[in-house]
Amino acid sequence: MVGRRAETDGFLRAPDRRESRGEGPRDQAGLTRLADPVSALLQAASLAASPAAVPAGTTATKVCDHVAVIMDGNGRWAAARRLPRVAGHRAGAKAVKRVIQAAIQNKVRWLTLYAFSSENWGRPADEVTDLTGLLRHYLRNEISELHREGVRVRVIGEHERFGPEVRAELEAAERLTAGNTRLTMVVALSYGARGEILQAALKVAEAVKAGTLDPAKLDEAGFARFLSTTGIPDPDLVIRTSGECRLSNFLLWQSAYAELVFLDVLWPDFDASHFAAALTAFNQRERRFGARPG
């Protein structure tokens, strides 16, 4: 668990939604305070690495191959400044550029961004329209730069729900950048992990019914080939901003053994130092994948 920057660094903390729900305030590491002794155990287990202590130019000592990011906090960032929500989304788009550069600097090969969840369609129509407009603006104005930087773009999720024009632009971005190898940026749009797993199960059932798949021979690796992330390695590290400590229906199958870092910084304030701090936390953990050294 990585703590938020001190307020002297200019970070404005938005109101804590947990407090309004009666769940109790967070401690400085971003964890919800629970009744002792659970709180003490959580605090002892958390990693108090400060982003401010890691210079923006610092490169992690151990390469993390795949980082996935739940970009959360745009609305609260805007509310704290008495701005419309779309202003938070615009500021969040700038943070996307920073995280891409940080990933390249730290030699990360895969970067998956949770840009729009399947549940986000339930937001007010004007906000969905604003988000769609920002997506189209990004595709028209940033893809050429990503291509020059050697970034490959891949999209997962039910992106056809955005309509034929947006879908055509997404497919064009994938075609343009298909040969790039410096970094693969996977954009999760209209994505939900439960729906993804359900669709994979339906495809398996269809293959069994058609006689092209023997269910007795199906293993985890075989099932994973039916997921939308086929060909993409599982994430080593999942970062979530805004202080919320949950996966929110993101890469549930793929994150089974990912390391999780929850940052109490709103997404528009996220920068290279936060990325480096998360990698530092990753480097300090022992990954056993359920096994124990003999």
C-alpha atoms as a PDB file:
ATOM      1  CA  MET A   1       0.000   0.000   0.000  1.00  0.00           C
ATOM      2  CA  VAL A   2       1.500   3.340  -0.965  1.00  0.00           C
ATOM      3  CA  GLY A   3       0.578   6.500   0.885  1.00  0.00           C
ATOM      4  CA  ARG A   4      -0.496   9.755  -0.703  1.00  0.00           C
ATOM      5  CA  ARG A   5       1.703  12.796  -1.084  1.00  0.00           C
ATOM      6  CA  ALA A   6       1.835  15.323   1.693  1.00  0.00           C
ATOM      7  CA  GLU A   7      -0.512  18.242   1.119  1.00  0.00           C
ATOM      8  CA  THR A   8       2.487  20.559   0.921  1.00  0.00           C
ATOM      9  CA  ASP A   9       3.198  18.905  -2.439  1.00  0.00           C
ATOM     10  CA  GLY A  10      -0.005  20.408  -3.801  1.00  0.00           C
ATOM     11  CA  PHE A  11      -2.214  17.331  -3.673  1.00  0.00           C
ATOM     12  CA  LEU A  12      -5.814  18.230  -2.858  1.00  0.00           C
ATOM     13  CA  ARG A  13      -7.629  15.324  -1.298  1.00  0.00           C
ATOM     14  CA  ALA A  14     -11.255  14.968  -2.345  1.00  0.00           C
ATOM     15  CA  PRO A  15     -13.970  14.189   0.236  1.00  0.00           C
ATOM     16  CA  ASP A  16     -13.868  10.565   1.339  1.00  0.00           C
ATOM     17  CA  ARG A  17     -16.962   8.745   0.090  1.00  0.00           C
ATOM     18  CA  ARG A  18     -16.478   6.024   2.710  1.00  0.00           C
ATOM     19  CA  GLU A  19     -16.976   8.525   5.511  1.00  0.00           C
ATOM     20  CA  SER A  20     -20.398   9.458   4.131  1.00  0.00           C
ATOM     21  CA  ARG A  21     -21.281   5.756   4.029  1.00  0.00           C
ATOM     22  CA  GLY A  22     -20.308   5.302   7.667  1.00  0.00           C
ATOM     23  CA  GLU A  23     -17.353   3.027   6.928  1.00  0.00           C
ATOM     24  CA  GLY A  24     -14.882   5.161   8.840  1.00  0.00           C
ATOM     25  CA  PRO A  25     -12.026   7.394   7.674  1.00  0.00           C
ATOM     26  CA  ARG A  26      -8.827   6.163   6.053  1.00  0.00           C
ATOM     27  CA  ASP A  27      -5.440   6.194   7.658  1.00  0.00           C
ATOM     28  CA  GLN A  28      -2.580   7.982   5.901  1.00  0.00           C
ATOM     29  CA  ALA A  29      -1.696   4.865   3.917  1.00  0.00           C
ATOM     30  CA  GLY A  30      -5.111   4.974   2.232  1.00  0.00           C
ATOM     31  CA  LEU A  31      -6.613   1.996   4.082  1.00  0.00           C
ATOM     32  CA  THR A  32     -10.005   2.163   5.729  1.00  0.00           C
ATOM     33  CA  ARG A  33      -9.561   2.198   9.505  1.00  0.00           C
ATOM     34  CA  LEU A  34     -11.040  -0.955  10.955  1.00  0.00           C
ATOM     35  CA  ALA A  35     -11.548  -1.967  14.565  1.00  0.00           C
ATOM     36  CA  ASP A  36      -8.401  -3.188  16.323  1.00  0.00           C
ATOM     37  CA  PRO A  37      -6.622  -5.567  16.109  1.00  0.00           C
ATOM     38  CA  VAL A  38      -7.464  -5.822  12.394  1.00  0.00           C
ATOM     39  CA  SER A  39      -6.397  -2.221  11.794  1.00  0.00           C
ATOM     40  CA  ALA A  40      -3.008  -2.836  13.392  1.00  0.00           C
ATOM     41  CA  LEU A  41      -2.459  -5.943  11.287  1.00  0.00           C
ATOM     42  CA  LEU A  42      -3.342  -4.104   8.084  1.00  0.00           C
ATOM     43  CA  GLN A  43      -1.060  -1.209   8.932  1.00  0.00           C
ATOM     44  CA  ALA A  44       1.801  -3.577   9.751  1.00  0.00           C
ATOM     45  CA  ALA A  45       1.330  -5.375   6.426  1.00  0.00           C
ATOM     46  CA  SER A  46       1.081  -2.215   4.315  1.00  0.00           C
ATOM     47  CA  LEU A  47       4.071  -0.724   2.521  1.00  0.00           C
ATOM     48  CA  ALA A  48       4.474   2.947   3.395  1.00  0.00           C
ATOM     49  CA  ALA A  49       6.475   4.040   0.351  1.00  0.00           C
ATOM     50  CA  SER A  50       6.020   7.754  -0.345  1.00  0.00           C
ATOM     51  CA  PRO A  51       5.824   8.859  -3.990  1.00  0.00           C
ATOM     52  CA  ALA A  52       7.569  12.081  -2.998  1.00  0.00           C
ATOM     53  CA  ALA A  53      10.591  10.019  -1.902  1.00  0.00           C
ATOM     54  CA  VAL A  54      11.036   8.560  -5.394  1.00  0.00           C
ATOM     55  CA  PRO A  55      12.352  11.107  -7.918  1.00  0.00           C
ATOM     56  CA  ALA A  56      10.433  11.305 -11.192  1.00  0.00           C
ATOM     57  CA  GLY A  57      13.544  10.245 -13.102  1.00  0.00           C
ATOM     58  CA  THR A  58      14.107   7.110 -11.041  1.00  0.00           C
ATOM     59  CA  THR A  59      13.972   3.778 -12.863  1.00  0.00           C
ATOM     60  CA  ALA A  60      12.916   0.650 -10.998  1.00  0.00           C
ATOM     61  CA  THR A  61      15.687  -1.886 -10.363  1.00  0.00           C
ATOM     62  CA  LYS A  62      13.567  -4.870 -11.466  1.00  0.00           C
ATOM     63  CA  VAL A  63      11.498  -4.757 -14.629  1.00  0.00           C
ATOM     64  CA  CYS A  64       7.781  -5.342 -14.215  1.00  0.00           C
ATOM     65  CA  ASP A  65       6.576  -6.687 -17.561  1.00  0.00           C
ATOM     66  CA  HIS A  66       2.870  -5.800 -17.394  1.00  0.00           C
ATOM     67  CA  VAL A  67       1.244  -3.023 -15.371  1.00  0.00           C
ATOM     68  CA  ALA A  68      -2.530  -2.560 -15.330  1.00  0.00           C
ATOM     69  CA  VAL A  69      -4.071   0.660 -14.030  1.00  0.00           C
ATOM     70  CA  ILE A  70      -7.554   1.419 -12.715  1.00  0.00           C
ATOM     71  CA  MET A  71      -7.712   5.153 -13.387  1.00  0.00           C
ATOM     72  CA  ASP A  72     -10.053   6.454 -10.697  1.00  0.00           C
ATOM     73  CA  GLY A  73     -10.784   9.869  -9.230  1.00  0.00           C
ATOM     74  CA  ASN A  74     -11.478  12.214 -12.153  1.00  0.00           C
ATOM     75  CA  GLY A  75     -14.871  13.248 -10.803  1.00  0.00           C
ATOM     76  CA  ARG A  76     -13.608  13.868  -7.276  1.00  0.00           C
ATOM     77  CA  TRP A  77     -10.650  15.844  -8.631  1.00  0.00           C
ATOM     78  CA  ALA A  78     -13.069  18.129 -10.496  1.00  0.00           C
ATOM     79  CA  ALA A  79     -15.462  18.399  -7.537  1.00  0.00           C
ATOM     80  CA  ALA A  80     -12.621  19.455  -5.223  1.00  0.00           C
ATOM     81  CA  ARG A  81     -11.965  22.358  -7.596  1.00  0.00           C
ATOM     82  CA  ARG A  82     -15.656  23.127  -8.186  1.00  0.00           C
ATOM     83  CA  LEU A  83     -15.269  22.243 -11.850  1.00  0.00           C
ATOM     84  CA  PRO A  84     -17.584  20.186 -14.078  1.00  0.00           C
ATOM     85  CA  ARG A  85     -16.832  16.457 -14.216  1.00  0.00           C
ATOM     86  CA  VAL A  86     -15.656  16.709 -17.807  1.00  0.00           C
ATOM     87  CA  ALA A  87     -12.784  18.913 -16.593  1.00  0.00           C
ATOM     88  CA  GLY A  88     -11.639  15.997 -14.447  1.00  0.00           C
ATOM     89  CA  HIS A  89     -11.780  13.648 -17.426  1.00  0.00           C
ATOM     90  CA  ARG A  90      -9.732  16.096 -19.510  1.00  0.00           C
ATOM     91  CA  ALA A  91      -7.136  16.336 -16.749  1.00  0.00           C
ATOM     92  CA  GLY A  92      -7.171  12.541 -16.537  1.00  0.00           C
ATOM     93  CA  ALA A  93      -6.323  12.326 -20.243  1.00  0.00           C
ATOM     94  CA  LYS A  94      -3.141  14.289 -19.520  1.00  0.00           C
ATOM     95  CA  ALA A  95      -2.261  11.774 -16.810  1.00  0.00           C
ATOM     96  CA  VAL A  96      -2.563   9.018 -19.428  1.00  0.00           C
ATOM     97  CA  LYS A  97       0.271  10.643 -21.384  1.00  0.00           C
ATOM     98  CA  ARG A  98       2.395  10.767 -18.223  1.00  0.00           C
ATOM     99  CA  VAL A  99       1.817   7.115 -17.354  1.00  0.00           C
ATOM    100  CA  ILE A 100       2.706   6.021 -20.897  1.00  0.00           C
ATOM    101  CA  GLN A 101       6.015   7.874 -20.675  1.00  0.00           C
ATOM    102  CA  ALA A 102       6.662   6.438 -17.208  1.00  0.00           C
ATOM    103  CA  ALA A 103       6.003   2.921 -18.485  1.00  0.00           C
ATOM    104  CA  ILE A 104       8.428   3.416 -21.375  1.00  0.00           C
ATOM    105  CA  GLN A 105      11.056   4.888 -19.056  1.00  0.00           C
ATOM    106  CA  ASN A 106      10.799   1.892 -16.725  1.00  0.00           C
ATOM    107  CA  LYS A 107      10.936  -0.605 -19.608  1.00  0.00           C
ATOM    108  CA  VAL A 108       7.441  -1.920 -18.978  1.00  0.00           C
ATOM    109  CA  ARG A 109       6.339  -3.864 -22.059  1.00  0.00           C
ATOM    110  CA  TRP A 110       2.568  -3.963 -21.474  1.00  0.00           C
ATOM    111  CA  LEU A 111       0.351  -1.238 -20.012  1.00  0.00           C
ATOM    112  CA  THR A 112      -3.383  -1.879 -19.621  1.00  0.00           C
ATOM    113  CA  LEU A 113      -5.633   1.086 -18.842  1.00  0.00           C
ATOM    114  CA  TYR A 114      -9.188   0.707 -17.526  1.00  0.00           C
ATOM    115  CA  ALA A 115     -10.635   3.575 -19.537  1.00  0.00           C
ATOM    116  CA  PHE A 116     -14.382   2.831 -19.552  1.00  0.00           C
ATOM    117  CA  SER A 117     -16.144   0.005 -17.751  1.00  0.00           C
ATOM    118  CA  SER A 118     -19.276  -1.776 -18.912  1.00  0.00           C
ATOM    119  CA  GLU A 119     -20.972  -0.295 -15.834  1.00  0.00           C
ATOM    120  CA  ASN A 120     -20.055   3.244 -16.919  1.00  0.00           C
ATOM    121  CA  TRP A 121     -22.904   3.147 -19.432  1.00  0.00           C
ATOM    122  CA  GLY A 122     -25.166   3.695 -16.431  1.00  0.00           C
ATOM    123  CA  ARG A 123     -23.762   7.192 -15.869  1.00  0.00           C
ATOM    124  CA  PRO A 124     -25.730  10.297 -16.934  1.00  0.00           C
ATOM    125  CA  ALA A 125     -26.071  10.586 -20.707  1.00  0.00           C
ATOM    126  CA  ASP A 126     -24.226  13.913 -20.860  1.00  0.00           C
ATOM    127  CA  GLU A 127     -21.209  12.443 -19.054  1.00  0.00           C
ATOM    128  CA  VAL A 128     -21.130   9.441 -21.402  1.00  0.00           C
ATOM    129  CA  THR A 129     -21.281  11.872 -24.332  1.00  0.00           C
ATOM    130  CA  ASP A 130     -18.383  13.873 -22.882  1.00  0.00           C
ATOM    131  CA  LEU A 131     -16.325  10.718 -22.383  1.00  0.00           C
ATOM    132  CA  THR A 132     -17.026   9.553 -25.924  1.00  0.00           C
ATOM    133  CA  GLY A 133     -16.005  12.960 -27.250  1.00  0.00           C
ATOM    134  CA  LEU A 134     -12.753  12.831 -25.301  1.00  0.00           C
ATOM    135  CA  LEU A 135     -12.065   9.346 -26.645  1.00  0.00           C
ATOM    136  CA  ARG A 136     -12.519  10.531 -30.226  1.00  0.00           C
ATOM    137  CA  HIS A 137     -10.353  13.595 -29.570  1.00  0.00           C
ATOM    138  CA  TYR A 138      -7.614  11.348 -28.171  1.00  0.00           C
ATOM    139  CA  LEU A 139      -7.790   8.996 -31.143  1.00  0.00           C
ATOM    140  CA  ARG A 140      -7.546  11.865 -33.622  1.00  0.00           C
ATOM    141  CA  ASN A 141      -4.823  13.857 -31.876  1.00  0.00           C
ATOM    142  CA  GLU A 142      -2.621  11.439 -29.933  1.00  0.00           C
ATOM    143  CA  ILE A 143      -2.361   8.216 -31.931  1.00  0.00           C
ATOM    144  CA  SER A 144       0.205   9.617 -34.377  1.00  0.00           C
ATOM    145  CA  GLU A 145       2.437  10.596 -31.448  1.00  0.00           C
ATOM    146  CA  LEU A 146       2.030   7.159 -29.868  1.00  0.00           C
ATOM    147  CA  HIS A 147       2.988   5.616 -33.199  1.00  0.00           C
ATOM    148  CA  ARG A 148       6.150   7.746 -33.364  1.00  0.00           C
ATOM    149  CA  GLU A 149       6.980   6.646 -29.810  1.00  0.00           C
ATOM    150  CA  GLY A 150       6.748   2.992 -30.843  1.00  0.00           C
ATOM    151  CA  VAL A 151       3.568   2.283 -28.863  1.00  0.00           C
ATOM    152  CA  ARG A 152       1.219  -0.413 -30.089  1.00  0.00           C
ATOM    153  CA  VAL A 153      -2.480   0.079 -29.313  1.00  0.00           C
ATOM    154  CA  ARG A 154      -4.795  -2.811 -28.581  1.00  0.00           C
ATOM    155  CA  VAL A 155      -8.424  -2.504 -27.484  1.00  0.00           C
ATOM    156  CA  ILE A 156     -10.409  -4.981 -25.386  1.00  0.00           C
ATOM    157  CA  GLY A 157     -14.043  -4.877 -24.328  1.00  0.00           C
ATOM    158  CA  GLU A 158     -17.351  -4.340 -26.106  1.00  0.00           C
ATOM    159  CA  HIS A 159     -16.140  -1.238 -27.917  1.00  0.00           C
ATOM    160  CA  GLU A 160     -18.722  -1.712 -30.669  1.00  0.00           C
ATOM    161  CA  ARG A 161     -21.197  -0.158 -28.229  1.00  0.00           C
ATOM    162  CA  PHE A 162     -19.592   3.228 -28.931  1.00  0.00           C
ATOM    163  CA  GLY A 163     -20.971   3.195 -32.471  1.00  0.00           C
ATOM    164  CA  PRO A 164     -19.497   2.601 -35.935  1.00  0.00           C
ATOM    165  CA  GLU A 165     -17.488   5.838 -36.161  1.00  0.00           C
ATOM    166  CA  VAL A 166     -15.619   5.338 -32.886  1.00  0.00           C
ATOM    167  CA  ARG A 167     -15.148   1.650 -33.648  1.00  0.00           C
ATOM    168  CA  ALA A 168     -13.632   2.515 -37.044  1.00  0.00           C
ATOM    169  CA  GLU A 169     -11.192   4.942 -35.396  1.00  0.00           C
ATOM    170  CA  LEU A 170     -10.203   2.352 -32.791  1.00  0.00           C
ATOM    171  CA  GLU A 171      -9.567  -0.235 -35.492  1.00  0.00           C
ATOM    172  CA  ALA A 172      -7.545   2.309 -37.479  1.00  0.00           C
ATOM    173  CA  ALA A 173      -5.394   2.999 -34.404  1.00  0.00           C
ATOM    174  CA  GLU A 174      -4.774  -0.727 -33.957  1.00  0.00           C
ATOM    175  CA  ARG A 175      -3.804  -1.146 -37.620  1.00  0.00           C
ATOM    176  CA  LEU A 176      -1.491   1.888 -37.641  1.00  0.00           C
ATOM    177  CA  THR A 177       0.438   0.788 -34.558  1.00  0.00           C
ATOM    178  CA  ALA A 178       0.325  -2.989 -35.079  1.00  0.00           C
ATOM    179  CA  GLY A 179       4.041  -3.286 -35.833  1.00  0.00           C
ATOM    180  CA  ASN A 180       5.288  -1.287 -32.840  1.00  0.00           C
ATOM    181  CA  THR A 181       7.187  -3.127 -30.117  1.00  0.00           C
ATOM    182  CA  ARG A 182       8.379  -0.560 -27.563  1.00  0.00           C
ATOM    183  CA  LEU A 183       5.201  -0.711 -25.468  1.00  0.00           C
ATOM    184  CA  THR A 184       1.789  -2.287 -25.978  1.00  0.00           C
ATOM    185  CA  MET A 185      -0.966  -0.135 -24.528  1.00  0.00           C
ATOM    186  CA  VAL A 186      -4.122  -2.164 -23.971  1.00  0.00           C
ATOM    187  CA  VAL A 187      -7.186   0.055 -23.622  1.00  0.00           C
ATOM    188  CA  ALA A 188     -10.157  -1.517 -21.838  1.00  0.00           C
ATOM    189  CA  LEU A 189     -13.302   0.114 -23.239  1.00  0.00           C
ATOM    190  CA  SER A 190     -16.816  -0.939 -22.275  1.00  0.00           C
ATOM    191  CA  TYR A 191     -15.034  -3.729 -20.434  1.00  0.00           C
ATOM    192  CA  GLY A 192     -16.223  -5.854 -17.534  1.00  0.00           C
ATOM    193  CA  ALA A 193     -14.406  -8.954 -16.295  1.00  0.00           C
ATOM    194  CA  ARG A 194     -17.529 -10.900 -15.334  1.00  0.00           C
ATOM    195  CA  GLY A 195     -19.009 -10.342 -18.775  1.00  0.00           C
ATOM    196  CA  GLU A 196     -15.701 -11.326 -20.369  1.00  0.00           C
ATOM    197  CA  ILE A 197     -15.594 -14.606 -18.425  1.00  0.00           C
ATOM    198  CA  LEU A 198     -19.243 -15.311 -19.234  1.00  0.00           C
ATOM    199  CA  GLN A 199     -18.638 -14.744 -22.948  1.00  0.00           C
ATOM    200  CA  ALA A 200     -15.611 -17.038 -22.805  1.00  0.00           C
ATOM    201  CA  ALA A 201     -17.708 -19.754 -21.149  1.00  0.00           C
ATOM    202  CA  LEU A 202     -20.353 -19.412 -23.864  1.00  0.00           C
ATOM    203  CA  LYS A 203     -17.675 -19.762 -26.554  1.00  0.00           C
ATOM    204  CA  VAL A 204     -16.376 -22.886 -24.821  1.00  0.00           C
ATOM    205  CA  ALA A 205     -19.906 -24.317 -24.754  1.00  0.00           C
ATOM    206  CA  GLU A 206     -20.316 -23.581 -28.465  1.00  0.00           C
ATOM    207  CA  ALA A 207     -16.996 -25.265 -29.265  1.00  0.00           C
ATOM    208  CA  VAL A 208     -17.970 -28.334 -27.248  1.00  0.00           C
ATOM    209  CA  LYS A 209     -21.361 -28.468 -28.966  1.00  0.00           C
ATOM    210  CA  ALA A 210     -19.705 -28.169 -32.380  1.00  0.00           C
ATOM    211  CA  GLY A 211     -17.359 -31.024 -31.522  1.00  0.00           C
ATOM    212  CA  THR A 212     -14.202 -28.917 -31.889  1.00  0.00           C
ATOM    213  CA  LEU A 213     -13.317 -29.007 -28.189  1.00  0.00           C
ATOM    214  CA  ASP A 214     -13.075 -31.928 -25.779  1.00  0.00           C
ATOM    215  CA  PRO A 215     -14.140 -30.520 -22.380  1.00  0.00           C
ATOM    216  CA  ALA A 216     -12.129 -33.214 -20.587  1.00  0.00           C
ATOM    217  CA  LYS A 217      -8.957 -31.715 -22.067  1.00  0.00           C
ATOM    218  CA  LEU A 218      -9.755 -28.090 -21.244  1.00  0.00           C
ATOM    219  CA  ASP A 219      -7.344 -26.527 -18.745  1.00  0.00           C
ATOM    220  CA  GLU A 220      -6.815 -22.975 -17.485  1.00  0.00           C
ATOM    221  CA  ALA A 221      -4.479 -22.061 -20.329  1.00  0.00           C
ATOM    222  CA  GLY A 222      -6.982 -23.386 -22.844  1.00  0.00           C
ATOM    223  CA  PHE A 223      -9.843 -21.453 -21.267  1.00  0.00           C
ATOM    224  CA  ALA A 224      -7.764 -18.250 -21.238  1.00  0.00           C
ATOM    225  CA  ARG A 225      -7.537 -18.422 -25.027  1.00  0.00           C
ATOM    226  CA  PHE A 226     -11.275 -17.699 -25.135  1.00  0.00           C
ATOM    227  CA  LEU A 227     -10.837 -14.442 -23.180  1.00  0.00           C
ATOM    228  CA  SER A 228     -10.473 -11.061 -24.879  1.00  0.00           C
ATOM    229  CA  THR A 229      -6.926 -10.828 -23.510  1.00  0.00           C
ATOM    230  CA  THR A 230      -5.644 -13.847 -25.425  1.00  0.00           C
ATOM    231  CA  GLY A 231      -2.036 -13.199 -26.390  1.00  0.00           C
ATOM    232  CA  ILE A 232      -1.594 -10.671 -23.578  1.00  0.00           C
ATOM    233  CA  PRO A 233       0.420 -11.744 -20.512  1.00  0.00           C
ATOM    234  CA  ASP A 234      -1.285 -11.570 -17.137  1.00  0.00           C
ATOM    235  CA  PRO A 235      -0.546  -8.345 -15.249  1.00  0.00           C
ATOM    236  CA  ASP A 236       2.287  -8.452 -12.753  1.00  0.00           C
ATOM    237  CA  LEU A 237       1.067  -5.309 -11.010  1.00  0.00           C
ATOM    238  CA  VAL A 238      -2.354  -3.675 -10.735  1.00  0.00           C
ATOM    239  CA  ILE A 239      -2.423  -0.038  -9.612  1.00  0.00           C
ATOM    240  CA  ARG A 240      -5.600   1.710  -8.516  1.00  0.00           C
ATOM    241  CA  THR A 241      -5.730   5.412  -7.797  1.00  0.00           C
ATOM    242  CA  SER A 242      -8.117   7.471  -5.601  1.00  0.00           C
ATOM    243  CA  GLY A 243      -7.628   5.386  -2.448  1.00  0.00           C
ATOM    244  CA  GLU A 244     -10.373   2.883  -3.253  1.00  0.00           C
ATOM    245  CA  CYS A 245      -9.276  -0.687  -2.496  1.00  0.00           C
ATOM    246  CA  ARG A 246     -11.090  -2.945  -4.948  1.00  0.00           C
ATOM    247  CA  LEU A 247     -10.738  -4.246  -8.513  1.00  0.00           C
ATOM    248  CA  SER A 248     -14.166  -3.081  -9.723  1.00  0.00           C
ATOM    249  CA  ASN A 249     -14.698  -5.890 -12.234  1.00  0.00           C
ATOM    250  CA  PHE A 250     -11.294  -5.394 -13.884  1.00  0.00           C
ATOM    251  CA  LEU A 251      -9.187  -8.322 -15.158  1.00  0.00           C
ATOM    252  CA  LEU A 252     -10.510 -10.672 -12.473  1.00  0.00           C
ATOM    253  CA  TRP A 253      -9.232 -13.846 -14.164  1.00  0.00           C
ATOM    254  CA  GLN A 254      -5.930 -12.327 -15.246  1.00  0.00           C
ATOM    255  CA  SER A 255      -5.124 -10.680 -11.891  1.00  0.00           C
ATOM    256  CA  ALA A 256      -5.253 -13.874  -9.830  1.00  0.00           C
ATOM    257  CA  TYR A 257      -1.579 -13.527  -8.875  1.00  0.00           C
ATOM    258  CA  ALA A 258      -0.972  -9.863  -9.623  1.00  0.00           C
ATOM    259  CA  GLU A 259       0.486  -7.619  -6.948  1.00  0.00           C
ATOM    260  CA  LEU A 260      -1.980  -4.887  -5.958  1.00  0.00           C
ATOM    261  CA  VAL A 261      -1.015  -1.318  -5.072  1.00  0.00           C
ATOM    262  CA  PHE A 262      -3.680   1.195  -4.020  1.00  0.00           C
ATOM    263  CA  LEU A 263      -2.622   4.833  -4.196  1.00  0.00           C
ATOM    264  CA  ASP A 264      -4.455   7.593  -2.370  1.00  0.00           C
ATOM    265  CA  VAL A 265      -3.955  10.035  -5.230  1.00  0.00           C
ATOM    266  CA  LEU A 266      -6.660  11.072  -7.675  1.00  0.00           C
ATOM    267  CA  TRP A 267      -5.940  10.037 -11.242  1.00  0.00           C
ATOM    268  CA  PRO A 268      -5.428  13.549 -12.703  1.00  0.00           C
ATOM    269  CA  ASP A 269      -2.621  14.082 -10.147  1.00  0.00           C
ATOM    270  CA  PHE A 270      -0.883  10.808 -11.013  1.00  0.00           C
ATOM    271  CA  ASP A 271       2.651  11.255 -12.339  1.00  0.00           C
ATOM    272  CA  ALA A 272       5.945   9.439 -12.877  1.00  0.00           C
ATOM    273  CA  SER A 273       6.835   9.521  -9.178  1.00  0.00           C
ATOM    274  CA  HIS A 274       3.650   7.629  -8.276  1.00  0.00           C
ATOM    275  CA  PHE A 275       4.383   5.066 -10.985  1.00  0.00           C
ATOM    276  CA  ALA A 276       7.932   4.627  -9.689  1.00  0.00           C
ATOM    277  CA  ALA A 277       6.665   4.259  -6.117  1.00  0.00           C
ATOM    278  CA  ALA A 278       4.265   1.507  -7.205  1.00  0.00           C
ATOM    279  CA  LEU A 279       7.113  -0.303  -8.957  1.00  0.00           C
ATOM    280  CA  THR A 280       9.223   0.054  -5.815  1.00  0.00           C
ATOM    281  CA  ALA A 281       6.430  -1.598  -3.832  1.00  0.00           C
ATOM    282  CA  PHE A 282       6.296  -4.375  -6.440  1.00  0.00           C
ATOM    283  CA  ASN A 283      10.061  -4.903  -6.240  1.00  0.00           C
ATOM    284  CA  GLN A 284       9.903  -5.333  -2.467  1.00  0.00           C
ATOM    285  CA  ARG A 285       7.334  -8.121  -2.567  1.00  0.00           C
ATOM    286  CA  GLU A 286       8.027 -11.839  -2.793  1.00  0.00           C
ATOM    287  CA  ARG A 287       5.911 -13.520  -5.451  1.00  0.00           C
ATOM    288  CA  ARG A 288       5.295 -17.214  -4.751  1.00  0.00           C
ATOM    289  CA  PHE A 289       2.184 -17.843  -6.903  1.00  0.00           C
ATOM    290  CA  GLY A 290       0.682 -20.037  -4.189  1.00  0.00           C
ATOM    291  CA  ALA A 291       3.817 -22.147  -3.732  1.00  0.00           C
ATOM    292  CA  ARG A 292       6.294 -22.129  -0.869  1.00  0.00           C
ATOM    293  CA  PRO A 293      10.061 -22.469  -1.296  1.00  0.00           C
ATOM    294  CA  GLY A 294      11.386 -25.809  -0.090  1.00  0.00           C
END
